[in-house]
Amino acid sequence: MPDILSVLDTYGVLLLFAILLLKEIGIPVPIPGDLLMLLAGARAATGNLSLLEVLLAATVAGFIGAFIQYFLARGPGRNAIYRFGKYVGLTPARLDKASATVKSRGWVAIALARALPGLRIGAVAACGLASVPLATFATGLLAGTLLFVGFHTLLGFFAGPGVGALLSTLNIPLLPVLLLLALLGLAAWLLIKRRRSTHTPTDHVPALLDWTDACCPVCLAAASLETRLLPAQPHPATT
């Protein structure tokens, strides 16, 4: 099997925690978080990792990282987010729209934004910018994080071993499959975002960020369904 599995088996929980923590703080780490949790769940199913430790690491990383980003957006990082956020897809229009949504709809909107693909990027910053009450933010964050982490980790736990056995039977290395899946996910995210956009040169920036957060087949299907059900937005950067 590829070396990636040896690295994951040795540093899996710590690696998962570190990458998700950085991503939740707002650092655009170019590793799809959902694929990482799927793979960690699959390794837990084979006994190489502890399922409980994987779930705890991902949940705690998501909770701590999001809180750091929330307080930065609410305080010292507020002006910087509005000034420089546009370079990573967080345009003022996108942030203002997300802020209005989470402020008016409470913790349920926050939970859904944190659990659904295409909405996670910018949701925490929007809560900080909108000065969402701490209790409301914490409730929505906890619910959304548990949904996001639990779904992907358990999906990998129950489906991963079967997929791994099939790849072993066909003598196909896992790493090329993961790379291919990530590239297909990137292409799909770009296509989904293009359908929502007005085709400006910055359209692909938020799509690239969304891809680094979610590109598993289930997430892509959910985002595609959302695109079909929701009308197109008038501005180029939508959530």
C-alpha atoms as a PDB file:
ATOM      1  CA  MET A   1       0.000   0.000   0.000  1.00  0.00           C
ATOM      2  CA  PRO A   2       1.126   3.613  -0.546  1.00  0.00           C
ATOM      3  CA  ASP A   3       3.297   5.396   1.994  1.00  0.00           C
ATOM      4  CA  ILE A   4       0.425   7.785   2.701  1.00  0.00           C
ATOM      5  CA  LEU A   5      -1.246   5.042   4.737  1.00  0.00           C
ATOM      6  CA  SER A   6       1.900   4.478   6.802  1.00  0.00           C
ATOM      7  CA  VAL A   7       2.063   8.193   7.582  1.00  0.00           C
ATOM      8  CA  LEU A   8      -1.632   8.263   8.464  1.00  0.00           C
ATOM      9  CA  ASP A   9      -1.353   5.192  10.666  1.00  0.00           C
ATOM     10  CA  THR A  10       1.614   6.681  12.528  1.00  0.00           C
ATOM     11  CA  TYR A  11       0.565  10.306  12.849  1.00  0.00           C
ATOM     12  CA  GLY A  12      -3.102   9.993  11.873  1.00  0.00           C
ATOM     13  CA  VAL A  13      -4.888  11.595  14.803  1.00  0.00           C
ATOM     14  CA  LEU A  14      -2.261  14.321  15.295  1.00  0.00           C
ATOM     15  CA  LEU A  15      -2.094  15.008  11.546  1.00  0.00           C
ATOM     16  CA  LEU A  16      -5.877  15.188  11.297  1.00  0.00           C
ATOM     17  CA  PHE A  17      -6.057  17.565  14.255  1.00  0.00           C
ATOM     18  CA  ALA A  18      -3.306  19.868  12.932  1.00  0.00           C
ATOM     19  CA  ILE A  19      -4.668  20.159   9.391  1.00  0.00           C
ATOM     20  CA  LEU A  20      -8.276  20.697  10.448  1.00  0.00           C
ATOM     21  CA  LEU A  21      -7.215  23.205  13.100  1.00  0.00           C
ATOM     22  CA  LEU A  22      -5.344  25.297  10.529  1.00  0.00           C
ATOM     23  CA  LYS A  23      -8.243  25.099   8.091  1.00  0.00           C
ATOM     24  CA  GLU A  24     -10.786  26.126  10.722  1.00  0.00           C
ATOM     25  CA  ILE A  25      -8.658  29.096  11.790  1.00  0.00           C
ATOM     26  CA  GLY A  26      -8.986  30.269   8.201  1.00  0.00           C
ATOM     27  CA  ILE A  27      -5.648  29.233   6.709  1.00  0.00           C
ATOM     28  CA  PRO A  28      -6.387  27.854   3.194  1.00  0.00           C
ATOM     29  CA  VAL A  29      -4.573  24.519   3.514  1.00  0.00           C
ATOM     30  CA  PRO A  30      -4.907  22.858   0.065  1.00  0.00           C
ATOM     31  CA  ILE A  31      -6.080  19.514   1.449  1.00  0.00           C
ATOM     32  CA  PRO A  32      -9.788  18.602   1.212  1.00  0.00           C
ATOM     33  CA  GLY A  33     -10.974  18.161   4.803  1.00  0.00           C
ATOM     34  CA  ASP A  34     -13.740  15.730   3.969  1.00  0.00           C
ATOM     35  CA  LEU A  35     -11.431  13.358   2.089  1.00  0.00           C
ATOM     36  CA  LEU A  36      -9.030  13.415   5.029  1.00  0.00           C
ATOM     37  CA  MET A  37     -11.827  12.452   7.432  1.00  0.00           C
ATOM     38  CA  LEU A  38     -13.086   9.752   5.066  1.00  0.00           C
ATOM     39  CA  LEU A  39      -9.609   8.230   4.926  1.00  0.00           C
ATOM     40  CA  ALA A  40      -9.151   8.484   8.709  1.00  0.00           C
ATOM     41  CA  GLY A  41     -12.520   6.783   9.220  1.00  0.00           C
ATOM     42  CA  ALA A  42     -11.514   4.008   6.844  1.00  0.00           C
ATOM     43  CA  ARG A  43      -8.264   3.412   8.742  1.00  0.00           C
ATOM     44  CA  ALA A  44     -10.221   3.319  11.989  1.00  0.00           C
ATOM     45  CA  ALA A  45     -12.393   0.573  10.534  1.00  0.00           C
ATOM     46  CA  THR A  46      -9.305  -1.573   9.915  1.00  0.00           C
ATOM     47  CA  GLY A  47      -8.105  -1.013  13.471  1.00  0.00           C
ATOM     48  CA  ASN A  48      -5.119   1.133  12.510  1.00  0.00           C
ATOM     49  CA  LEU A  49      -6.656   4.184  14.185  1.00  0.00           C
ATOM     50  CA  SER A  50      -9.109   4.622  17.030  1.00  0.00           C
ATOM     51  CA  LEU A  51     -12.533   5.761  15.811  1.00  0.00           C
ATOM     52  CA  LEU A  52     -13.172   7.638  19.058  1.00  0.00           C
ATOM     53  CA  GLU A  53      -9.828   9.445  18.827  1.00  0.00           C
ATOM     54  CA  VAL A  54     -10.476  10.392  15.190  1.00  0.00           C
ATOM     55  CA  LEU A  55     -13.912  11.791  16.027  1.00  0.00           C
ATOM     56  CA  LEU A  56     -12.602  13.683  19.050  1.00  0.00           C
ATOM     57  CA  ALA A  57      -9.585  15.094  17.203  1.00  0.00           C
ATOM     58  CA  ALA A  58     -11.645  16.351  14.274  1.00  0.00           C
ATOM     59  CA  THR A  59     -14.389  17.781  16.493  1.00  0.00           C
ATOM     60  CA  VAL A  60     -12.035  19.525  18.914  1.00  0.00           C
ATOM     61  CA  ALA A  61      -9.911  20.921  16.067  1.00  0.00           C
ATOM     62  CA  GLY A  62     -13.015  22.257  14.349  1.00  0.00           C
ATOM     63  CA  PHE A  63     -14.340  23.796  17.551  1.00  0.00           C
ATOM     64  CA  ILE A  64     -11.085  25.440  18.672  1.00  0.00           C
ATOM     65  CA  GLY A  65     -10.102  26.642  15.205  1.00  0.00           C
ATOM     66  CA  ALA A  66     -13.515  28.130  14.518  1.00  0.00           C
ATOM     67  CA  PHE A  67     -13.506  29.956  17.845  1.00  0.00           C
ATOM     68  CA  ILE A  68     -10.090  31.474  17.062  1.00  0.00           C
ATOM     69  CA  GLN A  69     -11.359  32.664  13.686  1.00  0.00           C
ATOM     70  CA  TYR A  70     -14.583  33.970  15.277  1.00  0.00           C
ATOM     71  CA  PHE A  71     -12.753  36.101  17.841  1.00  0.00           C
ATOM     72  CA  LEU A  72     -10.293  37.378  15.232  1.00  0.00           C
ATOM     73  CA  ALA A  73     -13.157  38.388  12.931  1.00  0.00           C
ATOM     74  CA  ARG A  74     -15.046  39.972  15.793  1.00  0.00           C
ATOM     75  CA  GLY A  75     -12.056  41.957  17.006  1.00  0.00           C
ATOM     76  CA  PRO A  76      -8.537  42.605  15.693  1.00  0.00           C
ATOM     77  CA  GLY A  77      -8.939  40.877  12.337  1.00  0.00           C
ATOM     78  CA  ARG A  78     -12.192  42.580  11.321  1.00  0.00           C
ATOM     79  CA  ASN A  79     -10.703  45.253   9.058  1.00  0.00           C
ATOM     80  CA  ALA A  80      -8.131  42.852   7.626  1.00  0.00           C
ATOM     81  CA  ILE A  81     -10.830  40.376   6.580  1.00  0.00           C
ATOM     82  CA  TYR A  82     -12.737  43.055   4.676  1.00  0.00           C
ATOM     83  CA  ARG A  83      -9.541  44.406   3.147  1.00  0.00           C
ATOM     84  CA  PHE A  84      -7.778  41.211   2.145  1.00  0.00           C
ATOM     85  CA  GLY A  85     -10.559  38.605   2.174  1.00  0.00           C
ATOM     86  CA  LYS A  86     -11.404  39.312  -1.459  1.00  0.00           C
ATOM     87  CA  TYR A  87      -8.096  37.746  -2.492  1.00  0.00           C
ATOM     88  CA  VAL A  88      -9.242  34.364  -1.152  1.00  0.00           C
ATOM     89  CA  GLY A  89     -12.859  34.590  -2.271  1.00  0.00           C
ATOM     90  CA  LEU A  90     -14.313  36.273   0.853  1.00  0.00           C
ATOM     91  CA  THR A  91     -15.597  39.399  -0.863  1.00  0.00           C
ATOM     92  CA  PRO A  92     -17.424  42.082   1.151  1.00  0.00           C
ATOM     93  CA  ALA A  93     -20.672  41.167  -0.614  1.00  0.00           C
ATOM     94  CA  ARG A  94     -20.279  37.503   0.273  1.00  0.00           C
ATOM     95  CA  LEU A  95     -19.394  38.256   3.886  1.00  0.00           C
ATOM     96  CA  ASP A  96     -22.234  40.756   4.302  1.00  0.00           C
ATOM     97  CA  LYS A  97     -24.760  38.300   2.885  1.00  0.00           C
ATOM     98  CA  ALA A  98     -23.535  35.502   5.167  1.00  0.00           C
ATOM     99  CA  SER A  99     -23.489  37.861   8.164  1.00  0.00           C
ATOM    100  CA  ALA A 100     -27.088  38.914   7.584  1.00  0.00           C
ATOM    101  CA  THR A 101     -28.177  35.282   7.243  1.00  0.00           C
ATOM    102  CA  VAL A 102     -26.561  33.956  10.437  1.00  0.00           C
ATOM    103  CA  LYS A 103     -27.597  37.014  12.428  1.00  0.00           C
ATOM    104  CA  SER A 104     -31.268  36.787  11.456  1.00  0.00           C
ATOM    105  CA  ARG A 105     -31.724  33.004  11.578  1.00  0.00           C
ATOM    106  CA  GLY A 106     -29.721  32.094  14.677  1.00  0.00           C
ATOM    107  CA  TRP A 107     -27.890  28.909  15.566  1.00  0.00           C
ATOM    108  CA  VAL A 108     -29.767  26.726  13.055  1.00  0.00           C
ATOM    109  CA  ALA A 109     -28.375  28.739  10.143  1.00  0.00           C
ATOM    110  CA  ILE A 110     -24.890  28.511  11.652  1.00  0.00           C
ATOM    111  CA  ALA A 111     -25.195  24.740  12.073  1.00  0.00           C
ATOM    112  CA  LEU A 112     -26.356  24.260   8.482  1.00  0.00           C
ATOM    113  CA  ALA A 113     -23.651  26.570   7.138  1.00  0.00           C
ATOM    114  CA  ARG A 114     -20.987  24.569   8.982  1.00  0.00           C
ATOM    115  CA  ALA A 115     -22.382  21.205   7.906  1.00  0.00           C
ATOM    116  CA  LEU A 116     -23.175  21.763   4.231  1.00  0.00           C
ATOM    117  CA  PRO A 117     -20.654  21.956   1.359  1.00  0.00           C
ATOM    118  CA  GLY A 118     -20.196  25.318  -0.274  1.00  0.00           C
ATOM    119  CA  LEU A 119     -21.434  27.200   2.790  1.00  0.00           C
ATOM    120  CA  ARG A 120     -18.673  26.462   5.294  1.00  0.00           C
ATOM    121  CA  ILE A 121     -16.184  28.911   3.796  1.00  0.00           C
ATOM    122  CA  GLY A 122     -16.756  32.306   5.343  1.00  0.00           C
ATOM    123  CA  ALA A 123     -19.478  31.185   7.783  1.00  0.00           C
ATOM    124  CA  VAL A 124     -17.357  31.617  10.907  1.00  0.00           C
ATOM    125  CA  ALA A 125     -15.900  34.933   9.779  1.00  0.00           C
ATOM    126  CA  ALA A 126     -19.437  36.098   9.012  1.00  0.00           C
ATOM    127  CA  CYS A 127     -20.520  35.252  12.562  1.00  0.00           C
ATOM    128  CA  GLY A 128     -17.669  37.288  13.986  1.00  0.00           C
ATOM    129  CA  LEU A 129     -18.302  40.235  11.685  1.00  0.00           C
ATOM    130  CA  ALA A 130     -22.019  40.180  12.566  1.00  0.00           C
ATOM    131  CA  SER A 131     -21.179  39.980  16.303  1.00  0.00           C
ATOM    132  CA  VAL A 132     -23.384  36.930  16.698  1.00  0.00           C
ATOM    133  CA  PRO A 133     -23.825  36.252  20.452  1.00  0.00           C
ATOM    134  CA  LEU A 134     -21.260  33.799  21.781  1.00  0.00           C
ATOM    135  CA  ALA A 135     -23.876  31.307  23.051  1.00  0.00           C
ATOM    136  CA  THR A 136     -25.679  31.294  19.694  1.00  0.00           C
ATOM    137  CA  PHE A 137     -22.433  30.835  17.795  1.00  0.00           C
ATOM    138  CA  ALA A 138     -21.224  28.044  20.090  1.00  0.00           C
ATOM    139  CA  THR A 139     -24.516  26.138  19.808  1.00  0.00           C
ATOM    140  CA  GLY A 140     -24.603  26.327  16.019  1.00  0.00           C
ATOM    141  CA  LEU A 141     -20.907  25.563  15.721  1.00  0.00           C
ATOM    142  CA  LEU A 142     -21.146  22.465  17.895  1.00  0.00           C
ATOM    143  CA  ALA A 143     -24.173  21.110  16.023  1.00  0.00           C
ATOM    144  CA  GLY A 144     -22.683  21.792  12.594  1.00  0.00           C
ATOM    145  CA  THR A 145     -19.263  20.404  13.488  1.00  0.00           C
ATOM    146  CA  LEU A 146     -20.748  17.194  14.883  1.00  0.00           C
ATOM    147  CA  LEU A 147     -22.804  16.730  11.695  1.00  0.00           C
ATOM    148  CA  PHE A 148     -19.888  17.418   9.361  1.00  0.00           C
ATOM    149  CA  VAL A 149     -17.295  15.385  11.246  1.00  0.00           C
ATOM    150  CA  GLY A 150     -19.635  12.550  12.178  1.00  0.00           C
ATOM    151  CA  PHE A 151     -21.008  12.073   8.678  1.00  0.00           C
ATOM    152  CA  HIS A 152     -17.668  11.956   6.860  1.00  0.00           C
ATOM    153  CA  THR A 153     -15.802   9.936   9.476  1.00  0.00           C
ATOM    154  CA  LEU A 154     -18.548   7.341   9.814  1.00  0.00           C
ATOM    155  CA  LEU A 155     -18.985   7.176   6.041  1.00  0.00           C
ATOM    156  CA  GLY A 156     -15.293   6.318   5.757  1.00  0.00           C
ATOM    157  CA  PHE A 157     -15.592   3.872   8.663  1.00  0.00           C
ATOM    158  CA  PHE A 158     -18.422   1.869   7.101  1.00  0.00           C
ATOM    159  CA  ALA A 159     -17.669   2.226   3.373  1.00  0.00           C
ATOM    160  CA  GLY A 160     -13.891   2.622   3.353  1.00  0.00           C
ATOM    161  CA  PRO A 161     -12.849  -0.995   4.041  1.00  0.00           C
ATOM    162  CA  GLY A 162     -14.976  -2.272   1.169  1.00  0.00           C
ATOM    163  CA  VAL A 163     -13.492   0.246  -1.242  1.00  0.00           C
ATOM    164  CA  GLY A 164      -9.985  -0.544   0.012  1.00  0.00           C
ATOM    165  CA  ALA A 165     -10.545  -4.276  -0.453  1.00  0.00           C
ATOM    166  CA  LEU A 166     -11.798  -3.680  -3.996  1.00  0.00           C
ATOM    167  CA  LEU A 167      -8.734  -1.593  -4.861  1.00  0.00           C
ATOM    168  CA  SER A 168      -6.457  -4.275  -3.426  1.00  0.00           C
ATOM    169  CA  THR A 169      -8.230  -6.959  -5.446  1.00  0.00           C
ATOM    170  CA  LEU A 170      -7.837  -4.924  -8.617  1.00  0.00           C
ATOM    171  CA  ASN A 171      -4.230  -4.117  -7.636  1.00  0.00           C
ATOM    172  CA  ILE A 172      -4.827  -0.354  -7.866  1.00  0.00           C
ATOM    173  CA  PRO A 173      -2.738   1.856  -5.520  1.00  0.00           C
ATOM    174  CA  LEU A 174      -4.738   4.090  -3.220  1.00  0.00           C
ATOM    175  CA  LEU A 175      -2.752   7.313  -3.673  1.00  0.00           C
ATOM    176  CA  PRO A 176      -3.519   7.747  -7.414  1.00  0.00           C
ATOM    177  CA  VAL A 177      -7.187   7.095  -6.643  1.00  0.00           C
ATOM    178  CA  LEU A 178      -7.197   9.821  -3.979  1.00  0.00           C
ATOM    179  CA  LEU A 179      -5.442  12.263  -6.297  1.00  0.00           C
ATOM    180  CA  LEU A 180      -7.886  11.495  -9.103  1.00  0.00           C
ATOM    181  CA  LEU A 181     -10.838  11.940  -6.746  1.00  0.00           C
ATOM    182  CA  ALA A 182      -9.453  15.280  -5.553  1.00  0.00           C
ATOM    183  CA  LEU A 183      -8.943  16.496  -9.130  1.00  0.00           C
ATOM    184  CA  LEU A 184     -12.421  15.391 -10.158  1.00  0.00           C
ATOM    185  CA  GLY A 185     -13.771  17.139  -7.084  1.00  0.00           C
ATOM    186  CA  LEU A 186     -11.944  20.334  -8.043  1.00  0.00           C
ATOM    187  CA  ALA A 187     -13.356  20.203 -11.571  1.00  0.00           C
ATOM    188  CA  ALA A 188     -16.858  19.610 -10.224  1.00  0.00           C
ATOM    189  CA  TRP A 189     -16.611  22.507  -7.753  1.00  0.00           C
ATOM    190  CA  LEU A 190     -15.456  24.846 -10.514  1.00  0.00           C
ATOM    191  CA  LEU A 191     -18.397  23.762 -12.672  1.00  0.00           C
ATOM    192  CA  ILE A 192     -20.901  24.167  -9.836  1.00  0.00           C
ATOM    193  CA  LYS A 193     -19.586  27.613  -8.954  1.00  0.00           C
ATOM    194  CA  ARG A 194     -19.584  28.637 -12.628  1.00  0.00           C
ATOM    195  CA  ARG A 195     -23.298  27.861 -12.813  1.00  0.00           C
ATOM    196  CA  ARG A 196     -23.919  30.120  -9.822  1.00  0.00           C
ATOM    197  CA  SER A 197     -21.757  32.959 -11.044  1.00  0.00           C
ATOM    198  CA  THR A 198     -21.845  35.705 -13.632  1.00  0.00           C
ATOM    199  CA  HIS A 199     -18.541  34.463 -15.054  1.00  0.00           C
ATOM    200  CA  THR A 200     -16.214  37.149 -13.727  1.00  0.00           C
ATOM    201  CA  PRO A 201     -12.452  36.480 -13.447  1.00  0.00           C
ATOM    202  CA  THR A 202     -12.715  35.929  -9.658  1.00  0.00           C
ATOM    203  CA  ASP A 203     -15.387  33.245  -9.867  1.00  0.00           C
ATOM    204  CA  HIS A 204     -12.920  30.404  -9.428  1.00  0.00           C
ATOM    205  CA  VAL A 205     -11.356  31.794  -6.253  1.00  0.00           C
ATOM    206  CA  PRO A 206     -14.211  30.831  -3.891  1.00  0.00           C
ATOM    207  CA  ALA A 207     -14.615  27.587  -5.817  1.00  0.00           C
ATOM    208  CA  LEU A 208     -10.997  26.673  -5.092  1.00  0.00           C
ATOM    209  CA  LEU A 209     -11.472  27.456  -1.407  1.00  0.00           C
ATOM    210  CA  ASP A 210     -14.695  25.451  -1.215  1.00  0.00           C
ATOM    211  CA  TRP A 211     -12.925  22.511  -2.857  1.00  0.00           C
ATOM    212  CA  THR A 212     -10.226  22.477  -0.179  1.00  0.00           C
ATOM    213  CA  ASP A 213     -13.006  22.039   2.371  1.00  0.00           C
ATOM    214  CA  ALA A 214     -15.255  19.520   0.640  1.00  0.00           C
ATOM    215  CA  CYS A 215     -14.904  17.405  -2.496  1.00  0.00           C
ATOM    216  CA  CYS A 216     -16.254  13.957  -1.607  1.00  0.00           C
ATOM    217  CA  PRO A 217     -18.881  12.545  -4.017  1.00  0.00           C
ATOM    218  CA  VAL A 218     -21.706  13.000  -1.496  1.00  0.00           C
ATOM    219  CA  CYS A 219     -20.768  16.653  -0.951  1.00  0.00           C
ATOM    220  CA  LEU A 220     -20.598  17.269  -4.685  1.00  0.00           C
ATOM    221  CA  ALA A 221     -24.024  15.723  -5.144  1.00  0.00           C
ATOM    222  CA  ALA A 222     -25.453  17.911  -2.372  1.00  0.00           C
ATOM    223  CA  ALA A 223     -23.899  21.044  -3.868  1.00  0.00           C
ATOM    224  CA  SER A 224     -25.179  20.139  -7.322  1.00  0.00           C
ATOM    225  CA  LEU A 225     -28.688  19.622  -5.948  1.00  0.00           C
ATOM    226  CA  GLU A 226     -28.486  22.964  -4.163  1.00  0.00           C
ATOM    227  CA  THR A 227     -27.505  24.612  -7.449  1.00  0.00           C
ATOM    228  CA  ARG A 228     -30.529  23.135  -9.198  1.00  0.00           C
ATOM    229  CA  LEU A 229     -32.966  24.094  -6.436  1.00  0.00           C
ATOM    230  CA  LEU A 230     -31.746  27.632  -5.719  1.00  0.00           C
ATOM    231  CA  PRO A 231     -32.023  30.485  -8.221  1.00  0.00           C
ATOM    232  CA  ALA A 232     -28.863  32.114  -9.457  1.00  0.00           C
ATOM    233  CA  GLN A 233     -27.628  35.045  -7.397  1.00  0.00           C
ATOM    234  CA  PRO A 234     -27.022  38.480  -8.918  1.00  0.00           C
ATOM    235  CA  HIS A 235     -23.480  38.874  -7.599  1.00  0.00           C
ATOM    236  CA  PRO A 236     -20.464  36.799  -8.649  1.00  0.00           C
ATOM    237  CA  ALA A 237     -19.378  35.401  -5.281  1.00  0.00           C
ATOM    238  CA  THR A 238     -22.184  33.405  -3.686  1.00  0.00           C
ATOM    239  CA  THR A 239     -22.268  30.996  -0.800  1.00  0.00           C
END
